[in-house]
Amino acid sequence: MALVLTEKAAEQVLKFKQENSLSDDAFLRIGISAGGCSGFSYEITFDDSFDATKDSRYEQHGVSLVVDKKSSILLDGTQVDWHESFDKRGFTFENPNAVKSCGCGSSFQV
């Protein structure tokens, strides 16, 4: 499996979907794009467009998760978690493929 969504992260995804009245067909799409201060940036959005030739779909903790096949290569083994503290709140990515990350944690190098 390319990606692991923790139970804590899944709870936040489901909470967000409910609070924003997103349809049951909406899934969490996680990918990467070129850019950011370290070379690649993580992308996390909701989507309802799925292409079996370009995407892989997983079900984790009640969340439908989609990763495009190009991103899945660089996200293989990545754990997506939810962090909440006094000064920071949001999704975190533990990517075993990253050799360097930026201070904000939203971009990386391979």
N, C-alpha and C. Protein backbone atom coordinates (compact mmCIF):
# COMPACT_ATOMS: atom_id res chain seq x y z
N MET A 1 0.85 -1.18 0.00
CA MET A 1 0.00 0.00 0.00
C MET A 1 0.89 1.24 0.00
N ALA A 2 0.59 2.17 -0.84
CA ALA A 2 1.41 3.36 -0.99
C ALA A 2 1.37 4.26 0.23
N LEU A 3 0.26 4.31 0.92
CA LEU A 3 0.05 5.31 1.96
C LEU A 3 -0.71 4.71 3.13
N VAL A 4 -0.40 5.18 4.34
CA VAL A 4 -1.12 4.76 5.53
C VAL A 4 -1.72 6.00 6.17
N LEU A 5 -3.03 5.98 6.37
CA LEU A 5 -3.74 7.06 7.03
C LEU A 5 -4.02 6.59 8.46
N THR A 6 -3.51 7.33 9.45
CA THR A 6 -3.73 6.92 10.83
C THR A 6 -5.19 7.12 11.22
N GLU A 7 -5.58 6.47 12.29
CA GLU A 7 -6.95 6.59 12.77
C GLU A 7 -7.26 8.04 13.17
N LYS A 8 -6.29 8.70 13.79
CA LYS A 8 -6.48 10.09 14.19
C LYS A 8 -6.68 11.00 12.98
N ALA A 9 -5.92 10.77 11.92
CA ALA A 9 -6.08 11.57 10.69
C ALA A 9 -7.42 11.27 10.04
N ALA A 10 -7.82 10.01 10.04
CA ALA A 10 -9.11 9.63 9.45
C ALA A 10 -10.27 10.30 10.18
N GLU A 11 -10.18 10.38 11.50
CA GLU A 11 -11.22 11.06 12.28
C GLU A 11 -11.37 12.51 11.84
N GLN A 12 -10.26 13.18 11.59
CA GLN A 12 -10.30 14.58 11.16
C GLN A 12 -10.89 14.72 9.76
N VAL A 13 -10.56 13.78 8.89
CA VAL A 13 -11.11 13.80 7.53
C VAL A 13 -12.63 13.64 7.58
N LEU A 14 -13.10 12.66 8.35
CA LEU A 14 -14.53 12.42 8.45
C LEU A 14 -15.25 13.60 9.10
N LYS A 15 -14.62 14.20 10.09
CA LYS A 15 -15.19 15.38 10.75
C LYS A 15 -15.31 16.54 9.76
N PHE A 16 -14.27 16.77 8.97
CA PHE A 16 -14.28 17.84 7.97
C PHE A 16 -15.37 17.61 6.94
N LYS A 17 -15.50 16.36 6.46
CA LYS A 17 -16.54 16.04 5.47
C LYS A 17 -17.92 16.34 6.02
N GLN A 18 -18.15 15.97 7.27
CA GLN A 18 -19.46 16.19 7.88
C GLN A 18 -19.72 17.68 8.09
N GLU A 19 -18.75 18.40 8.64
CA GLU A 19 -18.92 19.83 8.91
C GLU A 19 -19.13 20.65 7.64
N ASN A 20 -18.59 20.17 6.53
CA ASN A 20 -18.69 20.91 5.27
C ASN A 20 -19.70 20.29 4.31
N SER A 21 -20.50 19.36 4.80
CA SER A 21 -21.58 18.72 4.03
C SER A 21 -21.09 18.17 2.69
N LEU A 22 -19.91 17.53 2.70
CA LEU A 22 -19.40 16.90 1.48
C LEU A 22 -20.16 15.60 1.24
N SER A 23 -20.37 15.27 -0.01
CA SER A 23 -21.12 14.06 -0.35
C SER A 23 -20.36 12.81 0.06
N ASP A 24 -21.08 11.72 0.19
CA ASP A 24 -20.46 10.45 0.52
C ASP A 24 -19.52 9.99 -0.59
N ASP A 25 -19.73 10.48 -1.81
CA ASP A 25 -18.87 10.12 -2.95
C ASP A 25 -17.52 10.83 -2.92
N ALA A 26 -17.41 11.91 -2.13
CA ALA A 26 -16.15 12.65 -2.06
C ALA A 26 -15.11 11.81 -1.33
N PHE A 27 -13.92 11.72 -1.90
CA PHE A 27 -12.84 10.98 -1.28
C PHE A 27 -11.65 11.90 -1.04
N LEU A 28 -10.75 11.45 -0.20
CA LEU A 28 -9.54 12.20 0.09
C LEU A 28 -8.51 11.85 -0.97
N ARG A 29 -8.00 12.87 -1.64
CA ARG A 29 -6.95 12.66 -2.65
C ARG A 29 -5.65 13.22 -2.09
N ILE A 30 -4.63 12.37 -2.07
CA ILE A 30 -3.31 12.79 -1.60
C ILE A 30 -2.33 12.57 -2.74
N GLY A 31 -1.50 13.57 -2.98
CA GLY A 31 -0.52 13.48 -4.06
C GLY A 31 0.65 14.39 -3.79
N ILE A 32 1.49 14.51 -4.77
CA ILE A 32 2.63 15.42 -4.68
C ILE A 32 2.70 16.25 -5.96
N SER A 33 3.35 17.39 -5.84
CA SER A 33 3.59 18.22 -7.01
C SER A 33 5.00 18.78 -6.90
N ALA A 34 5.57 19.13 -8.04
CA ALA A 34 6.89 19.76 -8.04
C ALA A 34 6.74 21.15 -7.44
N GLY A 35 7.68 21.50 -6.61
CA GLY A 35 7.66 22.83 -5.99
C GLY A 35 7.91 22.75 -4.51
N GLY A 36 7.73 23.86 -3.84
CA GLY A 36 8.03 23.93 -2.42
C GLY A 36 9.51 24.22 -2.21
N CYS A 37 9.88 24.48 -1.00
CA CYS A 37 11.27 24.87 -0.74
C CYS A 37 12.24 23.69 -0.80
N SER A 38 11.74 22.46 -0.83
CA SER A 38 12.64 21.31 -0.89
C SER A 38 12.54 20.49 -2.18
N GLY A 39 11.66 20.87 -3.09
CA GLY A 39 11.58 20.17 -4.37
C GLY A 39 10.21 19.61 -4.70
N PHE A 40 9.57 18.95 -3.74
CA PHE A 40 8.22 18.41 -3.92
C PHE A 40 7.34 18.87 -2.77
N SER A 41 6.06 19.07 -3.06
CA SER A 41 5.10 19.47 -2.03
C SER A 41 3.98 18.43 -1.96
N TYR A 42 3.50 18.21 -0.74
CA TYR A 42 2.36 17.33 -0.54
C TYR A 42 1.09 18.08 -0.90
N GLU A 43 0.15 17.37 -1.49
CA GLU A 43 -1.17 17.93 -1.80
C GLU A 43 -2.22 17.06 -1.15
N ILE A 44 -3.20 17.69 -0.53
CA ILE A 44 -4.28 16.95 0.09
C ILE A 44 -5.57 17.71 -0.17
N THR A 45 -6.51 17.05 -0.86
CA THR A 45 -7.77 17.69 -1.25
C THR A 45 -8.89 16.67 -1.20
N PHE A 46 -10.10 17.13 -1.40
CA PHE A 46 -11.24 16.25 -1.60
C PHE A 46 -11.58 16.27 -3.08
N ASP A 47 -12.02 15.13 -3.59
CA ASP A 47 -12.29 15.00 -5.02
C ASP A 47 -13.42 13.97 -5.19
N ASP A 48 -14.00 13.95 -6.37
CA ASP A 48 -14.98 12.91 -6.68
C ASP A 48 -14.75 12.33 -8.07
N SER A 49 -13.61 12.68 -8.67
CA SER A 49 -13.26 12.19 -10.00
C SER A 49 -12.17 11.13 -9.87
N PHE A 50 -12.50 9.91 -10.25
CA PHE A 50 -11.58 8.78 -10.12
C PHE A 50 -11.36 8.14 -11.49
N ASP A 51 -10.10 7.88 -11.83
CA ASP A 51 -9.74 7.24 -13.08
C ASP A 51 -8.88 6.01 -12.75
N ALA A 52 -9.43 4.84 -12.91
CA ALA A 52 -8.75 3.60 -12.54
C ALA A 52 -7.43 3.39 -13.27
N THR A 53 -7.26 4.02 -14.43
CA THR A 53 -5.99 3.87 -15.16
C THR A 53 -4.90 4.77 -14.58
N LYS A 54 -5.29 5.82 -13.85
CA LYS A 54 -4.31 6.77 -13.31
C LYS A 54 -4.24 6.79 -11.79
N ASP A 55 -5.27 6.24 -11.12
CA ASP A 55 -5.39 6.34 -9.67
C ASP A 55 -5.46 4.98 -9.00
N SER A 56 -5.04 4.94 -7.74
CA SER A 56 -5.25 3.77 -6.88
C SER A 56 -6.15 4.22 -5.74
N ARG A 57 -7.07 3.35 -5.35
CA ARG A 57 -8.05 3.69 -4.32
C ARG A 57 -7.93 2.72 -3.15
N TYR A 58 -7.98 3.26 -1.93
CA TYR A 58 -7.87 2.48 -0.71
C TYR A 58 -8.97 2.90 0.25
N GLU A 59 -9.31 2.03 1.17
CA GLU A 59 -10.26 2.34 2.23
C GLU A 59 -9.52 2.14 3.55
N GLN A 60 -9.45 3.20 4.37
CA GLN A 60 -8.75 3.12 5.64
C GLN A 60 -9.55 3.86 6.71
N HIS A 61 -9.92 3.16 7.76
CA HIS A 61 -10.64 3.74 8.90
C HIS A 61 -11.89 4.50 8.45
N GLY A 62 -12.60 3.96 7.47
CA GLY A 62 -13.83 4.58 7.00
C GLY A 62 -13.63 5.71 6.01
N VAL A 63 -12.39 5.95 5.60
CA VAL A 63 -12.08 7.02 4.65
C VAL A 63 -11.67 6.40 3.32
N SER A 64 -12.29 6.86 2.25
CA SER A 64 -11.89 6.47 0.91
C SER A 64 -10.74 7.39 0.50
N LEU A 65 -9.61 6.78 0.18
CA LEU A 65 -8.37 7.51 -0.09
C LEU A 65 -7.90 7.18 -1.50
N VAL A 66 -7.56 8.20 -2.27
CA VAL A 66 -7.09 8.01 -3.64
C VAL A 66 -5.72 8.67 -3.81
N VAL A 67 -4.82 7.94 -4.47
CA VAL A 67 -3.48 8.44 -4.77
C VAL A 67 -3.23 8.21 -6.25
N ASP A 68 -2.79 9.25 -6.96
CA ASP A 68 -2.47 9.02 -8.37
C ASP A 68 -1.21 8.17 -8.44
N LYS A 69 -1.12 7.36 -9.49
CA LYS A 69 -0.04 6.38 -9.60
C LYS A 69 1.35 7.01 -9.68
N LYS A 70 1.46 8.20 -10.24
CA LYS A 70 2.76 8.88 -10.29
C LYS A 70 3.21 9.27 -8.88
N SER A 71 2.29 9.80 -8.09
CA SER A 71 2.62 10.20 -6.72
C SER A 71 2.90 9.01 -5.84
N SER A 72 2.22 7.89 -6.09
CA SER A 72 2.36 6.74 -5.20
C SER A 72 3.79 6.23 -5.14
N ILE A 73 4.57 6.44 -6.18
CA ILE A 73 5.97 6.02 -6.18
C ILE A 73 6.74 6.74 -5.08
N LEU A 74 6.55 8.05 -4.97
CA LEU A 74 7.27 8.84 -3.97
C LEU A 74 6.59 8.83 -2.60
N LEU A 75 5.36 8.35 -2.54
CA LEU A 75 4.64 8.29 -1.28
C LEU A 75 4.60 6.89 -0.68
N ASP A 76 5.23 5.92 -1.33
CA ASP A 76 5.19 4.54 -0.87
C ASP A 76 5.72 4.46 0.57
N GLY A 77 4.88 3.93 1.46
CA GLY A 77 5.26 3.78 2.86
C GLY A 77 5.02 5.00 3.73
N THR A 78 4.49 6.07 3.16
CA THR A 78 4.26 7.30 3.91
C THR A 78 3.09 7.15 4.86
N GLN A 79 3.26 7.67 6.07
CA GLN A 79 2.19 7.69 7.05
C GLN A 79 1.67 9.11 7.17
N VAL A 80 0.36 9.27 7.00
CA VAL A 80 -0.30 10.57 7.16
C VAL A 80 -0.99 10.56 8.52
N ASP A 81 -0.62 11.51 9.36
CA ASP A 81 -1.16 11.58 10.71
C ASP A 81 -1.74 12.97 10.94
N TRP A 82 -2.38 13.15 12.08
CA TRP A 82 -2.93 14.44 12.48
C TRP A 82 -2.20 14.89 13.73
N HIS A 83 -1.70 16.12 13.70
CA HIS A 83 -0.98 16.69 14.84
C HIS A 83 -1.73 17.91 15.33
N GLU A 84 -1.87 18.01 16.64
CA GLU A 84 -2.52 19.18 17.20
C GLU A 84 -1.79 19.56 18.48
N SER A 85 -1.28 20.78 18.49
CA SER A 85 -0.61 21.31 19.68
C SER A 85 -0.94 22.79 19.80
N PHE A 86 -0.37 23.42 20.78
CA PHE A 86 -0.63 24.84 21.03
C PHE A 86 -0.29 25.72 19.83
N ASP A 87 0.81 25.39 19.15
CA ASP A 87 1.28 26.26 18.08
C ASP A 87 1.12 25.70 16.67
N LYS A 88 0.65 24.45 16.55
CA LYS A 88 0.56 23.86 15.22
C LYS A 88 -0.58 22.85 15.18
N ARG A 89 -1.30 22.86 14.07
CA ARG A 89 -2.42 21.94 13.89
C ARG A 89 -2.51 21.56 12.42
N GLY A 90 -2.58 20.27 12.12
CA GLY A 90 -2.74 19.85 10.75
C GLY A 90 -2.20 18.47 10.48
N PHE A 91 -2.25 18.09 9.22
CA PHE A 91 -1.76 16.79 8.80
C PHE A 91 -0.24 16.79 8.74
N THR A 92 0.35 15.67 9.12
CA THR A 92 1.79 15.49 9.03
C THR A 92 2.07 14.29 8.14
N PHE A 93 3.22 14.31 7.50
CA PHE A 93 3.63 13.25 6.59
C PHE A 93 4.96 12.69 7.05
N GLU A 94 5.01 11.39 7.33
CA GLU A 94 6.26 10.70 7.62
C GLU A 94 6.58 9.86 6.39
N ASN A 95 7.47 10.39 5.56
CA ASN A 95 7.77 9.77 4.27
C ASN A 95 9.16 9.14 4.32
N PRO A 96 9.24 7.80 4.28
CA PRO A 96 10.54 7.14 4.33
C PRO A 96 11.39 7.37 3.07
N ASN A 97 10.80 7.89 2.01
CA ASN A 97 11.52 8.16 0.78
C ASN A 97 12.19 9.53 0.77
N ALA A 98 11.80 10.39 1.70
CA ALA A 98 12.35 11.75 1.75
C ALA A 98 13.74 11.72 2.37
N VAL A 99 14.69 12.33 1.68
CA VAL A 99 16.04 12.43 2.24
C VAL A 99 16.24 13.77 2.95
N LYS A 100 15.35 14.71 2.67
CA LYS A 100 15.43 16.03 3.29
C LYS A 100 14.04 16.64 3.28
N SER A 101 13.68 17.30 4.37
CA SER A 101 12.40 18.00 4.45
C SER A 101 12.64 19.44 4.85
N CYS A 102 11.69 20.29 4.53
CA CYS A 102 11.80 21.68 4.95
C CYS A 102 11.30 21.82 6.39
N GLY A 103 11.51 22.94 6.98
CA GLY A 103 11.10 23.19 8.36
C GLY A 103 9.60 23.13 8.57
N CYS A 104 8.84 23.51 7.56
CA CYS A 104 7.38 23.50 7.72
C CYS A 104 6.78 22.12 7.56
N GLY A 105 7.53 21.18 7.00
CA GLY A 105 7.07 19.81 6.86
C GLY A 105 6.15 19.56 5.68
N SER A 106 5.98 20.57 4.82
CA SER A 106 5.06 20.38 3.70
C SER A 106 5.77 20.14 2.38
N SER A 107 7.09 20.13 2.38
CA SER A 107 7.82 19.79 1.15
C SER A 107 9.02 18.93 1.50
N PHE A 108 9.54 18.22 0.48
CA PHE A 108 10.60 17.27 0.71
C PHE A 108 11.43 17.05 -0.55
N GLN A 109 12.59 16.40 -0.36
CA GLN A 109 13.46 15.97 -1.46
C GLN A 109 13.60 14.46 -1.40
N VAL A 110 13.81 13.86 -2.58
CA VAL A 110 14.07 12.43 -2.65
C VAL A 110 15.42 12.18 -3.28
